[in-house]
Amino acid sequence: PADADVVVNATSIGLAPDWQARVPVQAD
């Protein structure tokens, strides 16, 4: 959402040893 003030990844995606896993959000 464009009006988000705080964005939190509260999943385990990207946790070592799978640190290369990408959280699937639109980077732009």
PDB file of all heavy atoms in Angstrom:
ATOM      1  N   PRO A   1       0.829  -1.206   0.000  1.00  0.00           N
ATOM      2  CA  PRO A   1       0.000   0.000   0.000  1.00  0.00           C
ATOM      3  C   PRO A   1       0.866   1.261   0.000  1.00  0.00           C
ATOM      4  O   PRO A   1       1.821   1.373   0.780  1.00  0.00           O
ATOM      5  CB  PRO A   1      -0.803  -0.126   1.299  1.00  0.00           C
ATOM      6  CG  PRO A   1      -0.833  -1.598   1.586  1.00  0.00           C
ATOM      7  CD  PRO A   1       0.487  -2.119   1.113  1.00  0.00           C
ATOM      8  N   ALA A   2       0.532   2.212  -0.842  1.00  0.00           N
ATOM      9  CA  ALA A   2       1.346   3.419  -0.994  1.00  0.00           C
ATOM     10  C   ALA A   2       1.351   4.279   0.256  1.00  0.00           C
ATOM     11  O   ALA A   2       2.277   5.065   0.463  1.00  0.00           O
ATOM     12  CB  ALA A   2       0.843   4.233  -2.193  1.00  0.00           C
ATOM     13  N   ASP A   3       0.313   4.138   1.096  1.00  0.00           N
ATOM     14  CA  ASP A   3       0.226   4.985   2.292  1.00  0.00           C
ATOM     15  C   ASP A   3       0.755   4.287   3.546  1.00  0.00           C
ATOM     16  O   ASP A   3       0.556   4.777   4.662  1.00  0.00           O
ATOM     17  CB  ASP A   3      -1.206   5.453   2.523  1.00  0.00           C
ATOM     18  CG  ASP A   3      -2.172   4.307   2.784  1.00  0.00           C
ATOM     19  OD1 ASP A   3      -1.803   3.132   2.533  1.00  0.00           O
ATOM     20  OD2 ASP A   3      -3.306   4.570   3.236  1.00  0.00           O
ATOM     21  N   ALA A   4       1.438   3.162   3.374  1.00  0.00           N
ATOM     22  CA  ALA A   4       1.981   2.454   4.527  1.00  0.00           C
ATOM     23  C   ALA A   4       3.090   3.281   5.180  1.00  0.00           C
ATOM     24  O   ALA A   4       3.994   3.776   4.505  1.00  0.00           O
ATOM     25  CB  ALA A   4       2.532   1.098   4.102  1.00  0.00           C
ATOM     26  N   ASP A   5       3.002   3.434   6.497  1.00  0.00           N
ATOM     27  CA  ASP A   5       4.047   4.141   7.245  1.00  0.00           C
ATOM     28  C   ASP A   5       5.114   3.183   7.777  1.00  0.00           C
ATOM     29  O   ASP A   5       6.280   3.547   7.911  1.00  0.00           O
ATOM     30  CB  ASP A   5       3.432   4.888   8.433  1.00  0.00           C
ATOM     31  CG  ASP A   5       2.427   5.936   8.008  1.00  0.00           C
ATOM     32  OD1 ASP A   5       2.824   6.852   7.265  1.00  0.00           O
ATOM     33  OD2 ASP A   5       1.249   5.826   8.412  1.00  0.00           O
ATOM     34  N   VAL A   6       4.681   1.964   8.106  1.00  0.00           N
ATOM     35  CA  VAL A   6       5.581   0.934   8.631  1.00  0.00           C
ATOM     36  C   VAL A   6       5.246  -0.373   7.916  1.00  0.00           C
ATOM     37  O   VAL A   6       4.070  -0.751   7.837  1.00  0.00           O
ATOM     38  CB  VAL A   6       5.413   0.748  10.157  1.00  0.00           C
ATOM     39  CG1 VAL A   6       6.340  -0.351  10.664  1.00  0.00           C
ATOM     40  CG2 VAL A   6       5.681   2.057  10.893  1.00  0.00           C
ATOM     41  N   VAL A   7       6.254  -1.043   7.390  1.00  0.00           N
ATOM     42  CA  VAL A   7       6.077  -2.340   6.732  1.00  0.00           C
ATOM     43  C   VAL A   7       6.956  -3.353   7.457  1.00  0.00           C
ATOM     44  O   VAL A   7       8.152  -3.108   7.656  1.00  0.00           O
ATOM     45  CB  VAL A   7       6.460  -2.288   5.239  1.00  0.00           C
ATOM     46  CG1 VAL A   7       6.284  -3.669   4.596  1.00  0.00           C
ATOM     47  CG2 VAL A   7       5.625  -1.235   4.506  1.00  0.00           C
ATOM     48  N   VAL A   8       6.367  -4.477   7.856  1.00  0.00           N
ATOM     49  CA  VAL A   8       7.092  -5.469   8.645  1.00  0.00           C
ATOM     50  C   VAL A   8       7.022  -6.832   7.973  1.00  0.00           C
ATOM     51  O   VAL A   8       5.917  -7.344   7.726  1.00  0.00           O
ATOM     52  CB  VAL A   8       6.499  -5.592  10.068  1.00  0.00           C
ATOM     53  CG1 VAL A   8       7.362  -6.536  10.909  1.00  0.00           C
ATOM     54  CG2 VAL A   8       6.361  -4.238  10.730  1.00  0.00           C
ATOM     55  N   ASN A   9       8.177  -7.412   7.679  1.00  0.00           N
ATOM     56  CA  ASN A   9       8.198  -8.814   7.283  1.00  0.00           C
ATOM     57  C   ASN A   9       8.206  -9.657   8.545  1.00  0.00           C
ATOM     58  O   ASN A   9       9.229  -9.753   9.234  1.00  0.00           O
ATOM     59  CB  ASN A   9       9.424  -9.144   6.436  1.00  0.00           C
ATOM     60  CG  ASN A   9       9.519 -10.641   6.159  1.00  0.00           C
ATOM     61  OD1 ASN A   9       8.507 -11.320   5.981  1.00  0.00           O
ATOM     62  ND2 ASN A   9      10.732 -11.171   6.163  1.00  0.00           N
ATOM     63  N   ALA A  10       7.080 -10.268   8.860  1.00  0.00           N
ATOM     64  CA  ALA A  10       6.969 -11.113  10.050  1.00  0.00           C
ATOM     65  C   ALA A  10       6.960 -12.587   9.684  1.00  0.00           C
ATOM     66  O   ALA A  10       6.523 -13.420  10.461  1.00  0.00           O
ATOM     67  CB  ALA A  10       5.707 -10.752  10.834  1.00  0.00           C
ATOM     68  N   THR A  11       7.471 -12.910   8.492  1.00  0.00           N
ATOM     69  CA  THR A  11       7.608 -14.301   8.074  1.00  0.00           C
ATOM     70  C   THR A  11       9.048 -14.752   8.312  1.00  0.00           C
ATOM     71  O   THR A  11       9.913 -13.964   8.684  1.00  0.00           O
ATOM     72  CB  THR A  11       7.275 -14.476   6.577  1.00  0.00           C
ATOM     73  OG1 THR A  11       8.369 -13.989   5.781  1.00  0.00           O
ATOM     74  CG2 THR A  11       6.002 -13.724   6.208  1.00  0.00           C
ATOM     75  N   SER A  12       9.310 -16.028   8.046  1.00  0.00           N
ATOM     76  CA  SER A  12      10.674 -16.560   8.181  1.00  0.00           C
ATOM     77  C   SER A  12      11.407 -16.582   6.845  1.00  0.00           C
ATOM     78  O   SER A  12      12.513 -17.124   6.754  1.00  0.00           O
ATOM     79  CB  SER A  12      10.624 -17.973   8.765  1.00  0.00           C
ATOM     80  OG  SER A  12       9.895 -18.839   7.912  1.00  0.00           O
ATOM     81  N   ILE A  13      10.825 -15.970   5.818  1.00  0.00           N
ATOM     82  CA  ILE A  13      11.466 -15.967   4.501  1.00  0.00           C
ATOM     83  C   ILE A  13      12.760 -15.154   4.561  1.00  0.00           C
ATOM     84  O   ILE A  13      12.757 -13.993   4.969  1.00  0.00           O
ATOM     85  CB  ILE A  13      10.522 -15.370   3.437  1.00  0.00           C
ATOM     86  CG1 ILE A  13       9.232 -16.192   3.337  1.00  0.00           C
ATOM     87  CG2 ILE A  13      11.215 -15.319   2.078  1.00  0.00           C
ATOM     88  CD1 ILE A  13       8.181 -15.578   2.432  1.00  0.00           C
ATOM     89  N   GLY A  14      13.857 -15.781   4.180  1.00  0.00           N
ATOM     90  CA  GLY A  14      15.154 -15.110   4.198  1.00  0.00           C
ATOM     91  C   GLY A  14      16.006 -15.458   5.392  1.00  0.00           C
ATOM     92  O   GLY A  14      17.131 -14.962   5.524  1.00  0.00           O
ATOM     93  N   LEU A  15      15.490 -16.326   6.273  1.00  0.00           N
ATOM     94  CA  LEU A  15      16.247 -16.730   7.451  1.00  0.00           C
ATOM     95  C   LEU A  15      17.357 -17.695   7.048  1.00  0.00           C
ATOM     96  O   LEU A  15      17.142 -18.603   6.252  1.00  0.00           O
ATOM     97  CB  LEU A  15      15.317 -17.407   8.458  1.00  0.00           C
ATOM     98  CG  LEU A  15      15.949 -17.951   9.745  1.00  0.00           C
ATOM     99  CD1 LEU A  15      16.504 -16.825  10.592  1.00  0.00           C
ATOM    100  CD2 LEU A  15      14.914 -18.762  10.535  1.00  0.00           C
ATOM    101  N   ALA A  16      18.560 -17.487   7.596  1.00  0.00           N
ATOM    102  CA  ALA A  16      19.669 -18.396   7.316  1.00  0.00           C
ATOM    103  C   ALA A  16      19.296 -19.821   7.711  1.00  0.00           C
ATOM    104  O   ALA A  16      18.603 -20.020   8.709  1.00  0.00           O
ATOM    105  CB  ALA A  16      20.910 -17.943   8.086  1.00  0.00           C
ATOM    106  N   PRO A  17      19.672 -20.818   6.919  1.00  0.00           N
ATOM    107  CA  PRO A  17      20.603 -20.750   5.802  1.00  0.00           C
ATOM    108  C   PRO A  17      19.969 -20.378   4.464  1.00  0.00           C
ATOM    109  O   PRO A  17      20.667 -20.294   3.452  1.00  0.00           O
ATOM    110  CB  PRO A  17      21.153 -22.175   5.731  1.00  0.00           C
ATOM    111  CG  PRO A  17      20.006 -23.023   6.176  1.00  0.00           C
ATOM    112  CD  PRO A  17      19.304 -22.220   7.244  1.00  0.00           C
ATOM    113  N   ASP A  18      18.664 -20.136   4.436  1.00  0.00           N
ATOM    114  CA  ASP A  18      17.986 -19.788   3.192  1.00  0.00           C
ATOM    115  C   ASP A  18      17.946 -18.271   3.015  1.00  0.00           C
ATOM    116  O   ASP A  18      16.905 -17.694   2.688  1.00  0.00           O
ATOM    117  CB  ASP A  18      16.566 -20.362   3.179  1.00  0.00           C
ATOM    118  CG  ASP A  18      16.552 -21.881   3.233  1.00  0.00           C
ATOM    119  OD1 ASP A  18      17.432 -22.497   2.600  1.00  0.00           O
ATOM    120  OD2 ASP A  18      15.673 -22.445   3.901  1.00  0.00           O
ATOM    121  N   TRP A  19      19.106 -17.628   3.222  1.00  0.00           N
ATOM    122  CA  TRP A  19      19.133 -16.170   3.218  1.00  0.00           C
ATOM    123  C   TRP A  19      18.900 -15.574   1.835  1.00  0.00           C
ATOM    124  O   TRP A  19      18.592 -14.383   1.701  1.00  0.00           O
ATOM    125  CB  TRP A  19      20.464 -15.669   3.776  1.00  0.00           C
ATOM    126  CG  TRP A  19      21.670 -16.116   3.004  1.00  0.00           C
ATOM    127  CD1 TRP A  19      22.390 -17.251   3.192  1.00  0.00           C
ATOM    128  CD2 TRP A  19      22.275 -15.436   1.913  1.00  0.00           C
ATOM    129  NE1 TRP A  19      23.422 -17.324   2.283  1.00  0.00           N
ATOM    130  CE2 TRP A  19      23.382 -16.217   1.493  1.00  0.00           C
ATOM    131  CE3 TRP A  19      22.017 -14.243   1.253  1.00  0.00           C
ATOM    132  CZ2 TRP A  19      24.199 -15.840   0.428  1.00  0.00           C
ATOM    133  CZ3 TRP A  19      22.836 -13.862   0.194  1.00  0.00           C
ATOM    134  CH2 TRP A  19      23.913 -14.657  -0.205  1.00  0.00           C
ATOM    135  N   GLN A  20      19.009 -16.380   0.795  1.00  0.00           N
ATOM    136  CA  GLN A  20      18.789 -15.876  -0.550  1.00  0.00           C
ATOM    137  C   GLN A  20      17.311 -15.905  -0.954  1.00  0.00           C
ATOM    138  O   GLN A  20      16.958 -15.404  -2.021  1.00  0.00           O
ATOM    139  CB  GLN A  20      19.610 -16.676  -1.559  1.00  0.00           C
ATOM    140  CG  GLN A  20      21.119 -16.451  -1.422  1.00  0.00           C
ATOM    141  CD  GLN A  20      21.914 -17.232  -2.450  1.00  0.00           C
ATOM    142  OE1 GLN A  20      21.660 -18.420  -2.680  1.00  0.00           O
ATOM    143  NE2 GLN A  20      22.878 -16.572  -3.078  1.00  0.00           N
ATOM    144  N   ALA A  21      16.461 -16.483  -0.097  1.00  0.00           N
ATOM    145  CA  ALA A  21      15.025 -16.500  -0.397  1.00  0.00           C
ATOM    146  C   ALA A  21      14.484 -15.076  -0.368  1.00  0.00           C
ATOM    147  O   ALA A  21      14.799 -14.287   0.521  1.00  0.00           O
ATOM    148  CB  ALA A  21      14.290 -17.368   0.610  1.00  0.00           C
ATOM    149  N   ARG A  22      13.653 -14.752  -1.343  1.00  0.00           N
ATOM    150  CA  ARG A  22      13.148 -13.390  -1.490  1.00  0.00           C
ATOM    151  C   ARG A  22      11.709 -13.290  -0.999  1.00  0.00           C
ATOM    152  O   ARG A  22      10.862 -14.105  -1.356  1.00  0.00           O
ATOM    153  CB  ARG A  22      13.224 -12.945  -2.951  1.00  0.00           C
ATOM    154  CG  ARG A  22      12.753 -11.514  -3.173  1.00  0.00           C
ATOM    155  CD  ARG A  22      12.843 -11.094  -4.633  1.00  0.00           C
ATOM    156  NE  ARG A  22      12.320  -9.749  -4.748  1.00  0.00           N
ATOM    157  CZ  ARG A  22      11.035  -9.457  -4.895  1.00  0.00           C
ATOM    158  NH1 ARG A  22      10.139 -10.447  -4.969  1.00  0.00           N
ATOM    159  NH2 ARG A  22      10.627  -8.208  -4.954  1.00  0.00           N
ATOM    160  N   VAL A  23      11.415 -12.288  -0.177  1.00  0.00           N
ATOM    161  CA  VAL A  23      10.042 -12.016   0.238  1.00  0.00           C
ATOM    162  C   VAL A  23       9.297 -11.501  -0.989  1.00  0.00           C
ATOM    163  O   VAL A  23       9.702 -10.488  -1.585  1.00  0.00           O
ATOM    164  CB  VAL A  23       9.996 -10.968   1.366  1.00  0.00           C
ATOM    165  CG1 VAL A  23       8.555 -10.660   1.748  1.00  0.00           C
ATOM    166  CG2 VAL A  23      10.778 -11.455   2.577  1.00  0.00           C
ATOM    167  N   PRO A  24       8.223 -12.173  -1.420  1.00  0.00           N
ATOM    168  CA  PRO A  24       7.568 -11.805  -2.676  1.00  0.00           C
ATOM    169  C   PRO A  24       6.685 -10.558  -2.577  1.00  0.00           C
ATOM    170  O   PRO A  24       5.468 -10.634  -2.387  1.00  0.00           O
ATOM    171  CB  PRO A  24       6.744 -13.049  -3.018  1.00  0.00           C
ATOM    172  CG  PRO A  24       6.469 -13.699  -1.716  1.00  0.00           C
ATOM    173  CD  PRO A  24       7.659 -13.412  -0.841  1.00  0.00           C
ATOM    174  N   VAL A  25       7.326  -9.408  -2.665  1.00  0.00           N
ATOM    175  CA  VAL A  25       6.621  -8.129  -2.775  1.00  0.00           C
ATOM    176  C   VAL A  25       7.169  -7.406  -4.002  1.00  0.00           C
ATOM    177  O   VAL A  25       8.284  -7.699  -4.458  1.00  0.00           O
ATOM    178  CB  VAL A  25       6.802  -7.253  -1.524  1.00  0.00           C
ATOM    179  CG1 VAL A  25       6.231  -7.946  -0.290  1.00  0.00           C
ATOM    180  CG2 VAL A  25       8.255  -6.887  -1.312  1.00  0.00           C
ATOM    181  N   GLN A  26       6.390  -6.472  -4.536  1.00  0.00           N
ATOM    182  CA  GLN A  26       6.870  -5.679  -5.664  1.00  0.00           C
ATOM    183  C   GLN A  26       7.939  -4.712  -5.172  1.00  0.00           C
ATOM    184  O   GLN A  26       7.655  -3.830  -4.364  1.00  0.00           O
ATOM    185  CB  GLN A  26       5.715  -4.932  -6.312  1.00  0.00           C
ATOM    186  CG  GLN A  26       4.752  -5.824  -7.062  1.00  0.00           C
ATOM    187  CD  GLN A  26       3.684  -5.041  -7.812  1.00  0.00           C
ATOM    188  OE1 GLN A  26       3.758  -3.821  -7.937  1.00  0.00           O
ATOM    189  NE2 GLN A  26       2.672  -5.743  -8.302  1.00  0.00           N
ATOM    190  N   ALA A  27       9.164  -4.898  -5.652  1.00  0.00           N
ATOM    191  CA  ALA A  27      10.283  -4.103  -5.155  1.00  0.00           C
ATOM    192  C   ALA A  27      10.076  -2.612  -5.389  1.00  0.00           C
ATOM    193  O   ALA A  27      10.556  -1.788  -4.598  1.00  0.00           O
ATOM    194  CB  ALA A  27      11.581  -4.569  -5.808  1.00  0.00           C
ATOM    195  N   ASP A  28       9.366  -2.257  -6.460  1.00  0.00           N
ATOM    196  CA  ASP A  28       9.179  -0.827  -6.749  1.00  0.00           C
ATOM    197  C   ASP A  28       7.993  -0.233  -5.996  1.00  0.00           C
ATOM    198  O   ASP A  28       7.660   0.938  -6.200  1.00  0.00           O
ATOM    199  CB  ASP A  28       9.014  -0.596  -8.249  1.00  0.00           C
ATOM    200  CG  ASP A  28       7.797  -1.311  -8.840  1.00  0.00           C
ATOM    201  OD1 ASP A  28       7.095  -2.030  -8.085  1.00  0.00           O
ATOM    202  OD2 ASP A  28       7.541  -1.155 -10.051  1.00  0.00           O
TER     203      ASP A  28
END
